[in-house]
Amino acid sequence: MLSQFIAVFLLFPAAQAAGAEREVVRQALELSQVCAQSNQVLWAGTIEVVGQRGEEPLRPLSKARVRYAQAGPGRRYLHLRPEEKDEYYLISNGEKSWAYVPKLKRYTETEGAAVAGEDAGGRDDERDLAESMAPDVLAVFGAVHQEIEAADEPGPVTVRYGGRKHSWPSARLLSKQSPNGDRHMFEIAFDPASGRIGRLVWSAVSRGNSGERLLIRTTVDFEETRLGEDLGGELFEFVPPRNVSLVDALPIPGQTGSFLQGQTAPDFELRTLSGEKVRLGDLRGRPVLLNFWASWCGPCRKELPVLSLLHLDYEARGLIILGVNDEGRNTASQAARQMKLPFETLGDGARKAHKLYRVQAIPSIFLIDRDGRVVRYLRGAQSEQALRAALRELGL
């Protein structure tokens, strides 16, 4: 679809690339320069991301309502309301950073500046794509005026901006192909009088490791855009609402257990399969390995014998290995007996610990140091060599 359009697009006269004879194209390129030069940016609207691999159909990847702002180094604001996840805020004033999830009525506060998305922890591949794209949409568009290869004016586009419908002119801008084959195309509808952007479609085409074409298309329907205006400081300060609790760590919707890495391990109390109570906080002073597993999970059954061996080797050095199983006591006990597990397994039928640690895939391992801090999160079955290397981070 997009590759066919690019092939036709490149047949347009070279004069269009410079935008010399096209007023709307010229204004769009000027707007690109404004985006590049603005150190204070704010936008709000709906962002939708779709993807395509090879000739497969386009598939939805993310959709969210977004309000994003940045003002110089370290000052970031992001309010994200994903379509199928809870809303959250990531805010930094350059000296402190906050993450806040209204549904949980909890927030975190840390010293230091952070860009949006980094202050809450977690890996890049666990972030909502809308969150990842939010800081880049106008920034990448700001570079297109330097690398334009072709452009045209498809005509007016109906947009809804500021609560009203408008018919604004539009331009399509195609970037030069990079040495690795990447190419960007932008379709932008804007008000020439004010420079307000109503819609921006950013299509990025690249090649995967196998050589197949990959397309990511991001569409933003703007409700508000402010470029180069003084945004003040209040937006980048977080004032906790009433009845909201400050916590050490906070799961951002969509992220898995890695958000805890470097944070205090959430405390919980569960019973072993034999009925004895175990409270994680009572184990402070000894390193702990938490392993989330289930009897039906093939990779878990492959990894559990390795953990049994490690238990025998490291128990004398103070390591405590605890399994966590949500299948029910009878099923878990039968599996533990069959595999002759030498360490205790905790029953988590109500998934209390699973939810606290955001376990979305098993097996999952959390390594907790003597101070009760999560130092490593490992997702998927691990080899003996990998686990021994990870345990060295616990001083073992």
Protein backbone atom coordinates (compact mmCIF):
# COMPACT_ATOMS: atom_id res chain seq x y z
CA MET A 1 0.00 0.00 0.00
CA LEU A 2 2.51 2.63 1.16
CA SER A 3 5.28 1.33 -1.11
CA GLN A 4 3.01 1.79 -4.16
CA PHE A 5 2.19 5.33 -3.06
CA ILE A 6 5.88 6.18 -2.62
CA ALA A 7 6.63 4.89 -6.11
CA VAL A 8 4.01 7.24 -7.59
CA PHE A 9 5.01 10.07 -5.28
CA LEU A 10 8.60 10.04 -6.54
CA LEU A 11 7.41 10.70 -10.10
CA PHE A 12 6.35 14.24 -9.11
CA PRO A 13 8.43 17.14 -10.58
CA ALA A 14 11.62 18.01 -8.73
CA ALA A 15 10.38 21.57 -8.20
CA GLN A 16 7.90 20.20 -5.69
CA ALA A 17 10.72 18.88 -3.49
CA ALA A 18 11.90 22.40 -2.85
CA GLY A 19 8.36 23.67 -2.43
CA ALA A 20 9.18 26.75 -4.50
CA GLU A 21 5.97 26.69 -6.54
CA ARG A 22 3.65 25.30 -3.91
CA GLU A 23 2.52 27.70 -1.21
CA VAL A 24 1.05 25.08 1.16
CA VAL A 25 4.18 22.94 0.87
CA ARG A 26 6.34 25.99 1.59
CA GLN A 27 4.28 26.81 4.68
CA ALA A 28 4.43 23.18 5.85
CA LEU A 29 8.23 23.25 5.60
CA GLU A 30 8.31 26.50 7.56
CA LEU A 31 6.15 24.84 10.21
CA SER A 32 8.66 21.98 10.32
CA GLN A 33 11.39 24.53 11.07
CA VAL A 34 9.27 26.05 13.86
CA CYS A 35 8.95 22.59 15.43
CA ALA A 36 12.71 22.13 15.22
CA GLN A 37 13.46 25.49 16.84
CA SER A 38 10.84 25.40 19.61
CA ASN A 39 12.28 24.46 22.99
CA GLN A 40 8.81 24.63 24.54
CA VAL A 41 6.14 22.42 23.00
CA LEU A 42 2.68 21.35 24.11
CA TRP A 43 0.13 19.26 22.29
CA ALA A 44 -3.03 17.37 23.15
CA GLY A 45 -5.12 14.99 21.11
CA THR A 46 -5.65 11.39 20.09
CA ILE A 47 -2.77 9.26 18.88
CA GLU A 48 -3.26 5.99 17.03
CA VAL A 49 -0.45 3.65 15.98
CA VAL A 50 -0.80 0.83 13.43
CA GLY A 51 1.82 -1.49 11.99
CA GLN A 52 2.43 -3.70 8.98
CA ARG A 53 5.02 -6.42 8.36
CA GLY A 54 5.67 -7.27 4.72
CA GLU A 55 2.39 -7.58 2.85
CA GLU A 56 0.38 -8.51 5.93
CA PRO A 57 -2.71 -6.37 6.70
CA LEU A 58 -2.29 -3.31 8.89
CA ARG A 59 -2.95 -4.11 12.54
CA PRO A 60 -3.68 -1.74 15.44
CA LEU A 61 -0.86 -1.37 17.97
CA SER A 62 -1.95 1.43 20.29
CA LYS A 63 -4.54 4.18 20.71
CA ALA A 64 -4.71 6.80 23.46
CA ARG A 65 -5.69 10.30 24.43
CA VAL A 66 -2.52 12.26 25.11
CA ARG A 67 -1.45 15.57 26.60
CA TYR A 68 2.31 16.08 26.24
CA ALA A 69 4.60 19.02 26.97
CA GLN A 70 8.30 19.73 27.24
CA ALA A 71 10.15 22.89 28.18
CA GLY A 72 13.92 22.78 28.04
CA PRO A 73 16.16 20.14 29.60
CA GLY A 74 14.46 17.84 32.09
CA ARG A 75 10.99 19.39 32.16
CA ARG A 76 8.45 16.92 30.81
CA TYR A 77 4.73 16.31 31.22
CA LEU A 78 2.76 13.33 29.93
CA HIS A 79 -0.86 12.44 30.65
CA LEU A 80 -1.80 9.26 28.84
CA ARG A 81 -5.25 7.67 28.66
CA PRO A 82 -4.78 4.43 26.68
CA GLU A 83 -7.83 2.87 25.08
CA GLU A 84 -7.62 -0.42 27.01
CA LYS A 85 -5.50 0.52 30.04
CA ASP A 86 -5.72 2.82 33.03
CA GLU A 87 -4.63 6.43 32.66
CA TYR A 88 -1.37 7.67 34.16
CA TYR A 89 0.85 10.74 34.49
CA LEU A 90 4.65 11.09 34.15
CA ILE A 91 5.94 14.53 35.21
CA SER A 92 9.37 16.06 35.78
CA ASN A 93 10.36 19.62 36.73
CA GLY A 94 14.08 19.10 36.08
CA GLU A 95 14.86 18.31 39.72
CA LYS A 96 12.13 15.87 40.76
CA SER A 97 10.07 13.32 38.84
CA TRP A 98 6.65 11.88 39.59
CA ALA A 99 4.55 8.97 38.33
CA TYR A 100 0.85 8.87 39.23
CA VAL A 101 -1.88 6.31 38.47
CA PRO A 102 -5.28 7.77 39.51
CA LYS A 103 -7.07 4.41 39.68
CA LEU A 104 -4.51 3.08 42.17
CA LYS A 105 -4.52 6.38 44.13
CA ARG A 106 -0.75 6.11 44.36
CA TYR A 107 2.23 8.10 43.16
CA THR A 108 6.01 8.03 43.31
CA GLU A 109 8.44 10.90 43.78
CA THR A 110 12.13 10.66 42.94
CA GLU A 111 15.02 13.10 42.96
CA GLY A 112 16.41 13.97 39.54
CA ALA A 113 15.20 14.98 36.12
CA ALA A 114 13.69 12.51 33.70
CA VAL A 115 12.28 12.50 30.22
CA ALA A 116 8.69 11.32 29.89
CA GLY A 117 8.50 7.57 30.10
CA GLU A 118 11.81 7.04 31.92
CA ASP A 119 10.86 8.15 35.39
CA ALA A 120 8.54 5.22 35.99
CA GLY A 121 11.05 2.50 35.22
CA GLY A 122 10.40 -0.46 32.98
CA ARG A 123 11.88 -1.51 29.68
CA ASP A 124 11.24 0.25 26.38
CA ASP A 125 9.43 -2.78 24.96
CA GLU A 126 6.99 -2.67 27.90
CA ARG A 127 5.92 0.92 27.33
CA ASP A 128 2.71 1.77 25.57
CA LEU A 129 3.58 2.71 21.99
CA ALA A 130 1.56 5.91 22.33
CA GLU A 131 3.82 6.87 25.26
CA SER A 132 6.94 6.12 23.21
CA MET A 133 5.68 8.08 20.21
CA ALA A 134 4.37 11.15 22.08
CA PRO A 135 7.73 12.95 22.49
CA ASP A 136 8.82 12.13 18.92
CA VAL A 137 5.87 13.14 16.73
CA LEU A 138 6.64 16.86 16.43
CA ALA A 139 10.38 16.35 16.95
CA VAL A 140 10.71 14.05 13.93
CA PHE A 141 8.47 16.31 11.85
CA GLY A 142 10.84 19.13 12.81
CA ALA A 143 13.66 17.44 10.90
CA VAL A 144 11.79 16.79 7.65
CA HIS A 145 12.52 20.23 6.15
CA GLN A 146 16.23 19.30 6.04
CA GLU A 147 15.78 16.02 4.17
CA ILE A 148 12.80 16.52 1.88
CA GLU A 149 12.82 14.60 -1.42
CA ALA A 150 9.29 15.08 -2.72
CA ALA A 151 6.09 16.86 -1.75
CA ASP A 152 2.59 17.57 -2.95
CA GLU A 153 -0.69 19.18 -1.87
CA PRO A 154 -3.59 16.67 -1.71
CA GLY A 155 -6.16 19.35 -0.86
CA PRO A 156 -8.20 20.45 2.19
CA VAL A 157 -8.76 18.10 5.12
CA THR A 158 -11.60 18.31 7.63
CA VAL A 159 -10.24 18.38 11.18
CA ARG A 160 -11.72 19.03 14.60
CA TYR A 161 -9.54 21.45 16.53
CA GLY A 162 -10.40 23.42 19.65
CA GLY A 163 -13.87 21.88 19.75
CA ARG A 164 -14.79 23.08 16.23
CA LYS A 165 -14.63 21.59 12.73
CA HIS A 166 -12.27 23.21 10.23
CA SER A 167 -11.31 22.66 6.61
CA TRP A 168 -7.54 23.23 6.51
CA PRO A 169 -5.05 22.81 3.65
CA SER A 170 -2.72 19.82 3.72
CA ALA A 171 0.69 18.82 2.44
CA ARG A 172 2.50 15.51 1.98
CA LEU A 173 6.25 15.47 2.54
CA LEU A 174 8.53 12.53 1.74
CA SER A 175 12.01 12.31 3.24
CA LYS A 176 15.11 11.08 1.46
CA GLN A 177 15.95 7.45 1.97
CA SER A 178 18.62 6.87 4.60
CA PRO A 179 21.64 4.60 3.93
CA ASN A 180 19.91 1.75 5.81
CA GLY A 181 16.75 2.11 3.74
CA ASP A 182 14.56 3.98 6.25
CA ARG A 183 12.14 6.59 4.94
CA HIS A 184 9.58 8.92 6.56
CA MET A 185 6.44 10.41 5.05
CA PHE A 186 4.30 13.07 6.69
CA GLU A 187 0.78 14.18 5.85
CA ILE A 188 -0.06 17.38 7.70
CA ALA A 189 -3.21 19.52 7.84
CA PHE A 190 -2.78 22.94 9.45
CA ASP A 191 -4.08 26.49 9.70
CA PRO A 192 -1.70 28.73 7.72
CA ALA A 193 -2.80 31.83 9.66
CA SER A 194 -1.98 30.55 13.15
CA GLY A 195 0.35 27.61 12.49
CA ARG A 196 -1.93 25.32 14.53
CA ILE A 197 -1.68 21.69 13.43
CA GLY A 198 -4.94 19.78 13.12
CA ARG A 199 -3.73 16.39 11.94
CA LEU A 200 -0.35 14.76 11.43
CA VAL A 201 0.18 11.33 9.92
CA TRP A 202 3.72 9.98 10.25
CA SER A 203 4.58 6.84 8.27
CA ALA A 204 7.99 5.29 8.92
CA VAL A 205 9.21 2.53 6.60
CA SER A 206 12.23 0.40 7.46
CA ARG A 207 13.67 -3.05 6.85
CA GLY A 208 13.70 -5.79 9.48
CA ASN A 209 16.63 -8.14 10.14
CA SER A 210 15.24 -10.57 7.58
CA GLY A 211 14.94 -7.83 4.97
CA GLU A 212 11.15 -7.61 5.03
CA ARG A 213 9.50 -4.19 4.96
CA LEU A 214 8.21 -2.82 8.27
CA LEU A 215 5.73 0.06 8.47
CA ILE A 216 4.70 2.00 11.55
CA ARG A 217 2.04 4.65 10.92
CA THR A 218 1.17 7.14 13.64
CA THR A 219 -1.88 9.38 13.27
CA VAL A 220 -2.41 12.31 15.63
CA ASP A 221 -5.65 14.30 15.63
CA PHE A 222 -4.78 17.41 17.61
CA GLU A 223 -7.08 19.29 19.94
CA GLU A 224 -4.38 21.80 20.91
CA THR A 225 -0.84 22.70 19.79
CA ARG A 226 1.48 25.33 21.23
CA LEU A 227 4.93 25.81 19.72
CA GLY A 228 7.55 28.13 21.20
CA GLU A 229 5.17 29.67 23.75
CA ASP A 230 6.05 30.11 27.41
CA LEU A 231 4.37 27.21 29.20
CA GLY A 232 5.19 28.41 32.71
CA GLY A 233 6.22 26.12 35.53
CA GLU A 234 2.99 24.88 37.10
CA LEU A 235 2.43 22.23 34.44
CA PHE A 236 5.69 20.54 35.41
CA GLU A 237 4.90 20.34 39.15
CA PHE A 238 2.84 17.54 40.63
CA VAL A 239 0.51 18.32 43.54
CA PRO A 240 -0.92 15.07 44.94
CA PRO A 241 -4.73 15.00 45.12
CA ARG A 242 -6.39 14.22 48.43
CA ASN A 243 -6.44 10.61 49.60
CA VAL A 244 -3.50 9.67 47.38
CA SER A 245 -0.56 7.71 48.84
CA LEU A 246 3.16 8.11 48.20
CA VAL A 247 4.78 4.72 47.47
CA ASP A 248 8.30 3.52 46.64
CA ALA A 249 7.35 1.86 43.37
CA LEU A 250 4.37 2.10 41.05
CA PRO A 251 3.32 -0.17 38.18
CA ILE A 252 2.53 1.81 35.05
CA PRO A 253 -0.35 0.23 33.06
CA GLY A 254 1.01 -2.17 30.47
CA GLN A 255 4.41 -2.61 32.06
CA THR A 256 5.52 -5.90 33.54
CA GLY A 257 7.69 -6.62 36.57
CA SER A 258 10.76 -4.73 35.40
CA PHE A 259 9.28 -1.49 36.77
CA LEU A 260 10.45 -2.77 40.17
CA GLN A 261 14.11 -3.05 39.27
CA GLY A 262 16.03 -0.78 41.60
CA GLN A 263 12.96 -0.33 43.83
CA THR A 264 11.96 -1.75 47.20
CA ALA A 265 10.30 -5.13 46.72
CA PRO A 266 6.55 -4.94 47.53
CA ASP A 267 5.82 -6.78 50.76
CA PHE A 268 3.27 -9.58 50.97
CA GLU A 269 2.29 -12.48 53.20
CA LEU A 270 1.39 -15.89 51.76
CA ARG A 271 1.28 -19.46 53.00
CA THR A 272 3.57 -22.26 51.90
CA LEU A 273 1.99 -25.36 50.37
CA SER A 274 2.23 -26.95 53.83
CA GLY A 275 0.30 -24.07 55.39
CA GLU A 276 3.04 -22.00 57.08
CA LYS A 277 2.86 -18.19 56.81
CA VAL A 278 5.74 -16.40 55.09
CA ARG A 279 6.05 -12.62 55.04
CA LEU A 280 8.59 -11.27 52.59
CA GLY A 281 9.49 -8.33 54.84
CA ASP A 282 10.57 -10.74 57.59
CA LEU A 283 13.32 -12.05 55.31
CA ARG A 284 15.12 -8.69 55.21
CA GLY A 285 18.84 -9.28 55.76
CA ARG A 286 19.01 -12.29 53.45
CA PRO A 287 19.01 -12.36 49.63
CA VAL A 288 15.82 -13.78 48.11
CA LEU A 289 15.02 -15.28 44.72
CA LEU A 290 11.30 -15.23 43.88
CA ASN A 291 10.29 -17.58 41.09
CA PHE A 292 6.76 -17.38 39.64
CA TRP A 293 5.85 -20.72 38.05
CA ALA A 294 2.99 -23.07 37.15
CA SER A 295 2.80 -26.81 36.53
CA TRP A 296 1.33 -26.39 33.03
CA CYS A 297 4.20 -24.13 31.93
CA GLY A 298 6.82 -26.08 29.95
CA PRO A 299 9.61 -23.48 30.34
CA CYS A 300 8.90 -23.41 34.10
CA ARG A 301 9.33 -27.15 34.39
CA LYS A 302 12.59 -26.85 32.47
CA GLU A 303 13.90 -24.12 34.78
CA LEU A 304 12.80 -25.54 38.16
CA PRO A 305 15.49 -28.30 38.28
CA VAL A 306 18.11 -25.57 37.78
CA LEU A 307 16.66 -23.65 40.72
CA SER A 308 16.72 -26.84 42.80
CA LEU A 309 20.44 -27.19 42.09
CA LEU A 310 21.04 -23.53 42.97
CA HIS A 311 19.13 -23.97 46.23
CA LEU A 312 21.51 -26.76 47.25
CA ASP A 313 24.57 -24.74 46.26
CA TYR A 314 23.60 -21.36 47.73
CA GLU A 315 21.45 -22.13 50.77
CA ALA A 316 24.51 -22.20 53.04
CA ARG A 317 25.46 -18.74 51.75
CA GLY A 318 22.13 -17.33 52.89
CA LEU A 319 20.08 -17.39 49.67
CA ILE A 320 16.36 -18.06 50.09
CA ILE A 321 14.54 -19.38 47.01
CA LEU A 322 10.76 -19.14 47.07
CA GLY A 323 8.44 -20.38 44.36
CA VAL A 324 5.12 -18.57 43.83
CA ASN A 325 2.27 -20.57 42.27
CA ASP A 326 -1.34 -19.48 41.59
CA GLU A 327 -2.88 -22.85 40.61
CA GLY A 328 -4.24 -23.91 43.96
CA ARG A 329 -2.61 -25.91 46.76
CA ASN A 330 -3.44 -29.42 45.49
CA THR A 331 -2.17 -28.88 41.94
CA ALA A 332 0.94 -27.01 43.07
CA SER A 333 1.75 -29.56 45.81
CA GLN A 334 1.46 -32.48 43.40
CA ALA A 335 3.78 -30.79 40.89
CA ALA A 336 6.29 -29.82 43.59
CA ARG A 337 6.41 -33.43 44.84
CA GLN A 338 6.84 -34.85 41.35
CA MET A 339 9.77 -32.52 40.65
CA LYS A 340 11.15 -32.98 44.19
CA LEU A 341 11.57 -29.25 44.73
CA PRO A 342 13.80 -28.69 47.78
CA PHE A 343 12.68 -25.09 48.33
CA GLU A 344 9.33 -23.75 49.54
CA THR A 345 6.56 -22.72 47.17
CA LEU A 346 3.99 -20.12 48.22
CA GLY A 347 0.36 -20.51 47.22
CA ASP A 348 -0.99 -17.39 45.48
CA GLY A 349 -4.45 -18.50 44.42
CA ALA A 350 -5.79 -14.94 44.78
CA ARG A 351 -2.82 -13.72 42.65
CA LYS A 352 -1.90 -11.16 45.29
CA ALA A 353 1.84 -11.37 44.65
CA HIS A 354 1.33 -11.81 40.90
CA LYS A 355 -0.49 -8.47 40.79
CA LEU A 356 1.99 -6.66 43.05
CA TYR A 357 4.88 -7.76 40.86
CA ARG A 358 3.02 -7.32 37.55
CA VAL A 359 3.74 -10.87 36.43
CA GLN A 360 2.39 -11.17 32.89
CA ALA A 361 4.59 -14.05 31.73
CA ILE A 362 6.05 -17.09 33.45
CA PRO A 363 8.54 -18.12 34.51
CA SER A 364 9.53 -14.79 36.04
CA ILE A 365 12.32 -14.31 38.58
CA PHE A 366 12.95 -11.39 40.93
CA LEU A 367 16.28 -11.16 42.75
CA ILE A 368 15.99 -9.20 46.00
CA ASP A 369 19.06 -8.09 47.94
CA ARG A 370 19.59 -8.07 51.70
CA ASP A 371 18.16 -4.54 51.92
CA GLY A 372 14.91 -5.63 50.29
CA ARG A 373 15.64 -4.01 46.92
CA VAL A 374 14.91 -5.69 43.57
CA VAL A 375 18.22 -5.87 41.73
CA ARG A 376 17.21 -8.04 38.77
CA TYR A 377 14.07 -9.05 36.92
CA LEU A 378 14.34 -12.05 34.61
CA ARG A 379 11.49 -13.02 32.31
CA GLY A 380 11.45 -16.44 30.65
CA ALA A 381 13.38 -19.61 31.42
CA GLN A 382 17.01 -18.95 32.36
CA SER A 383 20.05 -21.18 32.01
CA GLU A 384 22.12 -22.21 35.02
CA GLN A 385 24.99 -20.05 33.78
CA ALA A 386 22.75 -16.98 33.43
CA LEU A 387 21.28 -17.45 36.91
CA ARG A 388 24.68 -17.91 38.55
CA ALA A 389 25.86 -14.71 36.87
CA ALA A 390 22.74 -12.87 38.11
CA LEU A 391 23.26 -14.15 41.66
CA ARG A 392 26.68 -12.51 41.72
CA GLU A 393 24.81 -9.22 41.75
CA LEU A 394 23.49 -10.30 45.15
CA GLY A 395 27.04 -10.78 46.36
CA LEU A 396 26.83 -14.59 46.12
